Amino acid sequence: MESLLVARDVRKLYRSEGGEVVALDDVNLEVARGELVAVMGPSGSGKTTMLNCLSGLDDIDGGTVLVEGRDLFGMSDTERTMHRAQAMGFIFQAFNLIPVFDAVENVELPLLLRGTPPKDARARALQMLERVGLAHRARHRPNEMSGGEQQRVTVARALVGRPAIVWADEPTGNLDSTMARSVMELLRELNEEEEQTIVLVTHDAAIGASAGRIVRMRDGHLESDERQPTGAPVLIGS
């Protein structure tokens, strides 16, 4: 399979008056196009730091990260920001929706920021909301929707630009078990039916078990990397 993401010897340090803390220690990872990868490990193991570094949200102190063959940290800050907007989508635990925008306005925003004509952006946003089962909620604001619906809007926003890779950081962390199962099933459907590449940080073993691959971290290292049969049921909360 073609490698969409290639990380080599990635190192990240956090510096303070008390000294340096190694958050990522020579991390090596490849993700093929179309994979659904769950990143797991105890609190403080480096899961979110790795996501932020491999996506270019945070700088690194050593190593290389290639996405679609392009060196993220060989780019200027402006180039990296543009590349992130064009090639990546993000799903966060806190949703990060704009409260004064309704669902379709939240979803179309990344397209408008990229210069997509408003009419086209609106049409694509409505199509994406329909894909995630929320066409009937297009004109509702976040405070008029459940947590699960808000996270589905976030998924739609992340995917509307047809990104090469989607990064998801604890996307079900603020949801009850029923909503969490619904969102995870949606992510797996998008991965299987549309071959969307997803790297998902989670502490939930049931979510990890539903991914095709589990990468486990400990103390800033990759401790293990296991592929497993796809199609396992999402058993969150059961």
C-alpha atoms as a PDB file:
ATOM      1  CA  MET A   1       0.000   0.000   0.000  1.00  0.00           C
ATOM      2  CA  GLU A   2       1.073   3.560  -0.676  1.00  0.00           C
ATOM      3  CA  SER A   3       2.425   5.405   2.386  1.00  0.00           C
ATOM      4  CA  LEU A   4       0.499   8.623   2.871  1.00  0.00           C
ATOM      5  CA  LEU A   5       2.328   9.601   6.064  1.00  0.00           C
ATOM      6  CA  VAL A   6       5.977   8.831   6.810  1.00  0.00           C
ATOM      7  CA  ALA A   7       7.516   9.976  10.100  1.00  0.00           C
ATOM      8  CA  ARG A   8      11.193   9.301  10.778  1.00  0.00           C
ATOM      9  CA  ASP A   9      13.019   9.795  14.103  1.00  0.00           C
ATOM     10  CA  VAL A  10      10.587  12.490  15.250  1.00  0.00           C
ATOM     11  CA  ARG A  11      11.676  14.121  18.474  1.00  0.00           C
ATOM     12  CA  LYS A  12       9.841  16.682  20.602  1.00  0.00           C
ATOM     13  CA  LEU A  13      11.152  18.397  23.729  1.00  0.00           C
ATOM     14  CA  TYR A  14       9.339  20.581  26.226  1.00  0.00           C
ATOM     15  CA  ARG A  15      11.605  23.104  27.925  1.00  0.00           C
ATOM     16  CA  SER A  16      11.105  24.876  31.238  1.00  0.00           C
ATOM     17  CA  GLU A  17      13.196  26.372  34.003  1.00  0.00           C
ATOM     18  CA  GLY A  18      13.428  22.908  35.508  1.00  0.00           C
ATOM     19  CA  GLY A  19      15.037  21.464  32.368  1.00  0.00           C
ATOM     20  CA  GLU A  20      13.912  19.478  29.352  1.00  0.00           C
ATOM     21  CA  VAL A  21      11.262  16.781  29.066  1.00  0.00           C
ATOM     22  CA  VAL A  22      11.381  14.416  26.093  1.00  0.00           C
ATOM     23  CA  ALA A  23       7.781  14.151  24.886  1.00  0.00           C
ATOM     24  CA  LEU A  24       8.541  12.201  21.696  1.00  0.00           C
ATOM     25  CA  ASP A  25      11.691  10.127  21.459  1.00  0.00           C
ATOM     26  CA  ASP A  26      12.671   9.115  17.909  1.00  0.00           C
ATOM     27  CA  VAL A  27       9.160   8.143  16.783  1.00  0.00           C
ATOM     28  CA  ASN A  28       8.942   6.253  13.488  1.00  0.00           C
ATOM     29  CA  LEU A  29       5.561   5.656  11.882  1.00  0.00           C
ATOM     30  CA  GLU A  30       4.108   5.028   8.435  1.00  0.00           C
ATOM     31  CA  VAL A  31       0.398   5.227   7.624  1.00  0.00           C
ATOM     32  CA  ALA A  32      -0.898   3.883   4.330  1.00  0.00           C
ATOM     33  CA  ARG A  33      -3.625   5.586   2.350  1.00  0.00           C
ATOM     34  CA  GLY A  34      -7.009   4.313   3.501  1.00  0.00           C
ATOM     35  CA  GLU A  35      -5.948   3.092   6.941  1.00  0.00           C
ATOM     36  CA  LEU A  36      -7.836   3.683  10.189  1.00  0.00           C
ATOM     37  CA  VAL A  37      -5.214   3.824  12.925  1.00  0.00           C
ATOM     38  CA  ALA A  38      -5.987   4.062  16.644  1.00  0.00           C
ATOM     39  CA  VAL A  39      -3.230   5.579  18.812  1.00  0.00           C
ATOM     40  CA  MET A  40      -3.511   4.371  22.405  1.00  0.00           C
ATOM     41  CA  GLY A  41      -1.558   4.554  25.634  1.00  0.00           C
ATOM     42  CA  PRO A  42      -1.726   5.823  29.209  1.00  0.00           C
ATOM     43  CA  SER A  43      -2.185   9.482  30.055  1.00  0.00           C
ATOM     44  CA  GLY A  44       1.039  11.390  29.400  1.00  0.00           C
ATOM     45  CA  SER A  45       2.383   8.791  26.977  1.00  0.00           C
ATOM     46  CA  GLY A  46       2.630  11.289  24.103  1.00  0.00           C
ATOM     47  CA  LYS A  47      -0.464  10.442  22.057  1.00  0.00           C
ATOM     48  CA  THR A  48      -1.761  13.977  21.522  1.00  0.00           C
ATOM     49  CA  THR A  49       1.774  15.362  21.204  1.00  0.00           C
ATOM     50  CA  MET A  50       2.442  12.900  18.398  1.00  0.00           C
ATOM     51  CA  LEU A  51      -0.792  13.862  16.635  1.00  0.00           C
ATOM     52  CA  ASN A  52       0.057  17.556  16.913  1.00  0.00           C
ATOM     53  CA  CYS A  53       3.602  17.044  15.653  1.00  0.00           C
ATOM     54  CA  LEU A  54       2.792  14.703  12.771  1.00  0.00           C
ATOM     55  CA  SER A  55       0.046  17.061  11.590  1.00  0.00           C
ATOM     56  CA  GLY A  56       2.320  20.105  11.778  1.00  0.00           C
ATOM     57  CA  LEU A  57       0.285  21.860  14.482  1.00  0.00           C
ATOM     58  CA  ASP A  58       3.388  21.812  16.702  1.00  0.00           C
ATOM     59  CA  ASP A  59       7.036  22.169  15.746  1.00  0.00           C
ATOM     60  CA  ILE A  60       9.447  19.284  16.223  1.00  0.00           C
ATOM     61  CA  ASP A  61      13.006  19.219  17.530  1.00  0.00           C
ATOM     62  CA  GLY A  62      14.288  16.554  15.191  1.00  0.00           C
ATOM     63  CA  GLY A  63      13.356  14.124  12.456  1.00  0.00           C
ATOM     64  CA  THR A  64      11.187  14.416   9.357  1.00  0.00           C
ATOM     65  CA  VAL A  65       7.468  14.168   8.602  1.00  0.00           C
ATOM     66  CA  LEU A  66       6.266  13.598   5.045  1.00  0.00           C
ATOM     67  CA  VAL A  67       2.595  13.844   4.063  1.00  0.00           C
ATOM     68  CA  GLU A  68       1.928  12.857   0.447  1.00  0.00           C
ATOM     69  CA  GLY A  69       5.667  13.110  -0.089  1.00  0.00           C
ATOM     70  CA  ARG A  70       5.924  16.699   1.134  1.00  0.00           C
ATOM     71  CA  ASP A  71       8.227  17.542   4.046  1.00  0.00           C
ATOM     72  CA  LEU A  72       6.067  19.415   6.565  1.00  0.00           C
ATOM     73  CA  PHE A  73       8.990  20.961   8.379  1.00  0.00           C
ATOM     74  CA  GLY A  74      10.831  21.875   5.205  1.00  0.00           C
ATOM     75  CA  MET A  75       8.025  24.368   4.548  1.00  0.00           C
ATOM     76  CA  SER A  76       7.612  27.903   5.810  1.00  0.00           C
ATOM     77  CA  ASP A  77       4.935  28.465   8.448  1.00  0.00           C
ATOM     78  CA  THR A  78       2.632  29.898   5.773  1.00  0.00           C
ATOM     79  CA  GLU A  79       3.205  26.965   3.427  1.00  0.00           C
ATOM     80  CA  ARG A  80       2.598  24.489   6.241  1.00  0.00           C
ATOM     81  CA  THR A  81      -0.636  26.234   7.205  1.00  0.00           C
ATOM     82  CA  MET A  82      -1.841  26.094   3.609  1.00  0.00           C
ATOM     83  CA  HIS A  83      -0.856  22.458   3.249  1.00  0.00           C
ATOM     84  CA  ARG A  84      -2.701  21.616   6.471  1.00  0.00           C
ATOM     85  CA  ALA A  85      -5.834  23.377   5.193  1.00  0.00           C
ATOM     86  CA  GLN A  86      -5.718  21.541   1.878  1.00  0.00           C
ATOM     87  CA  ALA A  87      -4.568  18.047   2.894  1.00  0.00           C
ATOM     88  CA  MET A  88      -5.820  17.559   6.465  1.00  0.00           C
ATOM     89  CA  GLY A  89      -8.979  17.548   8.521  1.00  0.00           C
ATOM     90  CA  PHE A  90      -9.220  17.743  12.315  1.00  0.00           C
ATOM     91  CA  ILE A  91     -11.748  16.398  14.817  1.00  0.00           C
ATOM     92  CA  PHE A  92     -11.333  17.411  18.454  1.00  0.00           C
ATOM     93  CA  GLN A  93     -12.957  16.292  21.695  1.00  0.00           C
ATOM     94  CA  ALA A  94     -14.274  19.815  22.368  1.00  0.00           C
ATOM     95  CA  PHE A  95     -15.989  20.081  18.924  1.00  0.00           C
ATOM     96  CA  ASN A  96     -14.609  23.652  18.355  1.00  0.00           C
ATOM     97  CA  LEU A  97     -17.700  24.744  16.447  1.00  0.00           C
ATOM     98  CA  ILE A  98     -18.404  28.459  16.065  1.00  0.00           C
ATOM     99  CA  PRO A  99     -21.445  29.043  18.300  1.00  0.00           C
ATOM    100  CA  VAL A 100     -23.020  31.867  16.262  1.00  0.00           C
ATOM    101  CA  PHE A 101     -22.849  29.812  13.037  1.00  0.00           C
ATOM    102  CA  ASP A 102     -25.397  27.166  12.184  1.00  0.00           C
ATOM    103  CA  ALA A 103     -24.326  23.688  11.088  1.00  0.00           C
ATOM    104  CA  VAL A 104     -23.993  24.391   7.381  1.00  0.00           C
ATOM    105  CA  GLU A 105     -22.063  27.615   8.038  1.00  0.00           C
ATOM    106  CA  ASN A 106     -19.642  25.744  10.295  1.00  0.00           C
ATOM    107  CA  VAL A 107     -19.107  23.045   7.678  1.00  0.00           C
ATOM    108  CA  GLU A 108     -18.623  25.396   4.727  1.00  0.00           C
ATOM    109  CA  LEU A 109     -16.166  27.663   6.567  1.00  0.00           C
ATOM    110  CA  PRO A 110     -12.949  25.772   5.647  1.00  0.00           C
ATOM    111  CA  LEU A 111     -13.972  25.830   1.989  1.00  0.00           C
ATOM    112  CA  LEU A 112     -14.617  29.585   2.075  1.00  0.00           C
ATOM    113  CA  LEU A 113     -11.234  30.150   3.722  1.00  0.00           C
ATOM    114  CA  ARG A 114      -9.640  28.240   0.839  1.00  0.00           C
ATOM    115  CA  GLY A 115     -11.351  30.473  -1.713  1.00  0.00           C
ATOM    116  CA  THR A 116     -14.144  28.145  -2.825  1.00  0.00           C
ATOM    117  CA  PRO A 117     -17.014  30.179  -4.350  1.00  0.00           C
ATOM    118  CA  PRO A 118     -19.795  30.584  -1.752  1.00  0.00           C
ATOM    119  CA  LYS A 119     -22.422  28.786  -3.849  1.00  0.00           C
ATOM    120  CA  ASP A 120     -20.160  25.766  -4.319  1.00  0.00           C
ATOM    121  CA  ALA A 121     -19.110  25.784  -0.644  1.00  0.00           C
ATOM    122  CA  ARG A 122     -22.736  25.780   0.480  1.00  0.00           C
ATOM    123  CA  ALA A 123     -23.664  22.915  -1.861  1.00  0.00           C
ATOM    124  CA  ARG A 124     -20.719  20.781  -0.719  1.00  0.00           C
ATOM    125  CA  ALA A 125     -21.447  21.539   2.947  1.00  0.00           C
ATOM    126  CA  LEU A 126     -25.069  20.442   2.560  1.00  0.00           C
ATOM    127  CA  GLN A 127     -23.958  17.259   0.799  1.00  0.00           C
ATOM    128  CA  MET A 128     -21.552  16.490   3.629  1.00  0.00           C
ATOM    129  CA  LEU A 129     -24.201  17.096   6.275  1.00  0.00           C
ATOM    130  CA  GLU A 130     -26.467  14.683   4.432  1.00  0.00           C
ATOM    131  CA  ARG A 131     -23.616  12.134   4.388  1.00  0.00           C
ATOM    132  CA  VAL A 132     -23.311  12.297   8.186  1.00  0.00           C
ATOM    133  CA  GLY A 133     -27.098  12.131   8.650  1.00  0.00           C
ATOM    134  CA  LEU A 134     -27.678  15.767   9.610  1.00  0.00           C
ATOM    135  CA  ALA A 135     -29.239  17.390   6.556  1.00  0.00           C
ATOM    136  CA  HIS A 136     -32.332  18.121   8.646  1.00  0.00           C
ATOM    137  CA  ARG A 137     -30.215  20.044  11.191  1.00  0.00           C
ATOM    138  CA  ALA A 138     -28.374  22.252   8.688  1.00  0.00           C
ATOM    139  CA  ARG A 139     -29.878  25.505   9.992  1.00  0.00           C
ATOM    140  CA  HIS A 140     -29.461  24.705  13.694  1.00  0.00           C
ATOM    141  CA  ARG A 141     -26.730  26.262  15.828  1.00  0.00           C
ATOM    142  CA  PRO A 142     -24.492  24.128  18.080  1.00  0.00           C
ATOM    143  CA  ASN A 143     -26.444  24.963  21.252  1.00  0.00           C
ATOM    144  CA  GLU A 144     -29.568  23.553  19.582  1.00  0.00           C
ATOM    145  CA  MET A 145     -27.940  20.162  18.956  1.00  0.00           C
ATOM    146  CA  SER A 146     -26.928  17.205  21.102  1.00  0.00           C
ATOM    147  CA  GLY A 147     -23.272  16.409  21.722  1.00  0.00           C
ATOM    148  CA  GLY A 148     -23.379  13.592  19.197  1.00  0.00           C
ATOM    149  CA  GLU A 149     -24.910  15.860  16.564  1.00  0.00           C
ATOM    150  CA  GLN A 150     -22.276  18.521  17.227  1.00  0.00           C
ATOM    151  CA  GLN A 151     -19.518  15.958  16.771  1.00  0.00           C
ATOM    152  CA  ARG A 152     -21.105  14.827  13.494  1.00  0.00           C
ATOM    153  CA  VAL A 153     -20.982  18.447  12.330  1.00  0.00           C
ATOM    154  CA  THR A 154     -17.303  18.472  13.297  1.00  0.00           C
ATOM    155  CA  VAL A 155     -16.764  15.296  11.263  1.00  0.00           C
ATOM    156  CA  ALA A 156     -18.531  16.892   8.286  1.00  0.00           C
ATOM    157  CA  ARG A 157     -16.360  20.006   8.603  1.00  0.00           C
ATOM    158  CA  ALA A 158     -13.198  17.896   8.746  1.00  0.00           C
ATOM    159  CA  LEU A 159     -14.144  15.939   5.625  1.00  0.00           C
ATOM    160  CA  VAL A 160     -15.794  18.568   3.425  1.00  0.00           C
ATOM    161  CA  GLY A 161     -12.487  19.566   1.827  1.00  0.00           C
ATOM    162  CA  ARG A 162     -11.763  15.931   0.896  1.00  0.00           C
ATOM    163  CA  PRO A 163      -8.537  15.814   2.927  1.00  0.00           C
ATOM    164  CA  ALA A 164      -5.847  13.209   2.435  1.00  0.00           C
ATOM    165  CA  ILE A 165      -5.795  12.484   6.163  1.00  0.00           C
ATOM    166  CA  VAL A 166      -8.055  13.217   9.133  1.00  0.00           C
ATOM    167  CA  TRP A 167      -6.612  13.582  12.638  1.00  0.00           C
ATOM    168  CA  ALA A 168      -9.038  12.869  15.488  1.00  0.00           C
ATOM    169  CA  ASP A 169      -8.075  13.557  19.112  1.00  0.00           C
ATOM    170  CA  GLU A 170     -10.405  11.743  21.549  1.00  0.00           C
ATOM    171  CA  PRO A 171     -13.408  12.462  19.276  1.00  0.00           C
ATOM    172  CA  THR A 172     -15.810  10.561  21.533  1.00  0.00           C
ATOM    173  CA  GLY A 173     -14.380  11.760  24.844  1.00  0.00           C
ATOM    174  CA  ASN A 174     -17.254  14.156  25.616  1.00  0.00           C
ATOM    175  CA  LEU A 175     -20.026  11.803  24.516  1.00  0.00           C
ATOM    176  CA  ASP A 176     -22.104   9.187  26.287  1.00  0.00           C
ATOM    177  CA  SER A 177     -21.745   5.580  25.150  1.00  0.00           C
ATOM    178  CA  THR A 178     -24.639   5.706  22.666  1.00  0.00           C
ATOM    179  CA  MET A 179     -23.399   8.881  20.985  1.00  0.00           C
ATOM    180  CA  ALA A 180     -19.807   7.626  21.064  1.00  0.00           C
ATOM    181  CA  ARG A 181     -20.822   4.421  19.299  1.00  0.00           C
ATOM    182  CA  SER A 182     -22.709   6.406  16.655  1.00  0.00           C
ATOM    183  CA  VAL A 183     -19.775   8.714  15.910  1.00  0.00           C
ATOM    184  CA  MET A 184     -17.277   5.851  15.802  1.00  0.00           C
ATOM    185  CA  GLU A 185     -19.493   3.856  13.452  1.00  0.00           C
ATOM    186  CA  LEU A 186     -19.675   6.917  11.198  1.00  0.00           C
ATOM    187  CA  LEU A 187     -15.874   7.278  11.150  1.00  0.00           C
ATOM    188  CA  ARG A 188     -15.464   3.611  10.320  1.00  0.00           C
ATOM    189  CA  GLU A 189     -18.054   3.850   7.530  1.00  0.00           C
ATOM    190  CA  LEU A 190     -16.193   6.801   6.016  1.00  0.00           C
ATOM    191  CA  ASN A 191     -12.944   4.882   6.259  1.00  0.00           C
ATOM    192  CA  GLU A 192     -14.340   1.725   4.673  1.00  0.00           C
ATOM    193  CA  GLU A 193     -16.666   3.182   2.047  1.00  0.00           C
ATOM    194  CA  GLU A 194     -14.651   6.214   0.981  1.00  0.00           C
ATOM    195  CA  GLU A 195     -11.162   4.973   1.932  1.00  0.00           C
ATOM    196  CA  GLN A 196     -10.686   8.002   4.148  1.00  0.00           C
ATOM    197  CA  THR A 197      -7.387   7.834   6.047  1.00  0.00           C
ATOM    198  CA  ILE A 198      -7.935   8.489   9.753  1.00  0.00           C
ATOM    199  CA  VAL A 199      -5.483   8.631  12.668  1.00  0.00           C
ATOM    200  CA  LEU A 200      -7.450   8.514  15.908  1.00  0.00           C
ATOM    201  CA  VAL A 201      -6.157   9.156  19.435  1.00  0.00           C
ATOM    202  CA  THR A 202      -8.234   7.371  22.065  1.00  0.00           C
ATOM    203  CA  HIS A 203      -8.025   5.906  25.560  1.00  0.00           C
ATOM    204  CA  ASP A 204     -11.069   3.696  24.940  1.00  0.00           C
ATOM    205  CA  ALA A 205     -10.173   0.046  24.300  1.00  0.00           C
ATOM    206  CA  ALA A 206     -13.475  -0.594  22.491  1.00  0.00           C
ATOM    207  CA  ILE A 207     -12.761   2.178  20.017  1.00  0.00           C
ATOM    208  CA  GLY A 208      -9.254   0.888  19.483  1.00  0.00           C
ATOM    209  CA  ALA A 209     -10.599  -2.607  18.879  1.00  0.00           C
ATOM    210  CA  SER A 210     -12.805  -1.323  16.056  1.00  0.00           C
ATOM    211  CA  ALA A 211      -9.835   0.149  14.156  1.00  0.00           C
ATOM    212  CA  GLY A 212      -7.803  -1.816  11.668  1.00  0.00           C
ATOM    213  CA  ARG A 213      -4.550  -1.009  13.426  1.00  0.00           C
ATOM    214  CA  ILE A 214      -3.539  -0.072  16.970  1.00  0.00           C
ATOM    215  CA  VAL A 215      -0.357   1.870  17.740  1.00  0.00           C
ATOM    216  CA  ARG A 216       0.449   1.891  21.456  1.00  0.00           C
ATOM    217  CA  MET A 217       2.600   4.560  23.064  1.00  0.00           C
ATOM    218  CA  ARG A 218       4.427   4.775  26.367  1.00  0.00           C
ATOM    219  CA  ASP A 219       6.797   7.484  27.601  1.00  0.00           C
ATOM    220  CA  GLY A 220       7.078   9.093  24.171  1.00  0.00           C
ATOM    221  CA  HIS A 221       7.946   5.833  22.393  1.00  0.00           C
ATOM    222  CA  LEU A 222       5.952   3.607  20.085  1.00  0.00           C
ATOM    223  CA  GLU A 223       5.622   0.499  22.238  1.00  0.00           C
ATOM    224  CA  SER A 224       3.766  -1.692  19.741  1.00  0.00           C
ATOM    225  CA  ASP A 225       2.112  -1.582  16.330  1.00  0.00           C
ATOM    226  CA  GLU A 226      -0.543  -4.208  15.631  1.00  0.00           C
ATOM    227  CA  ARG A 227      -2.855  -4.780  12.678  1.00  0.00           C
ATOM    228  CA  GLN A 228      -6.113  -6.565  13.312  1.00  0.00           C
ATOM    229  CA  PRO A 229      -9.117  -7.821  11.321  1.00  0.00           C
ATOM    230  CA  THR A 230     -11.442  -5.038  10.223  1.00  0.00           C
ATOM    231  CA  GLY A 231     -15.176  -5.098  10.657  1.00  0.00           C
ATOM    232  CA  ALA A 232     -15.194  -5.682  14.401  1.00  0.00           C
ATOM    233  CA  PRO A 233     -18.382  -4.305  15.984  1.00  0.00           C
ATOM    234  CA  VAL A 234     -18.223  -1.039  17.920  1.00  0.00           C
ATOM    235  CA  LEU A 235     -19.054  -2.155  21.455  1.00  0.00           C
ATOM    236  CA  ILE A 236     -18.603   1.095  23.369  1.00  0.00           C
ATOM    237  CA  GLY A 237     -20.405   0.974  26.672  1.00  0.00           C
ATOM    238  CA  SER A 238     -21.645  -2.575  26.218  1.00  0.00           C
END
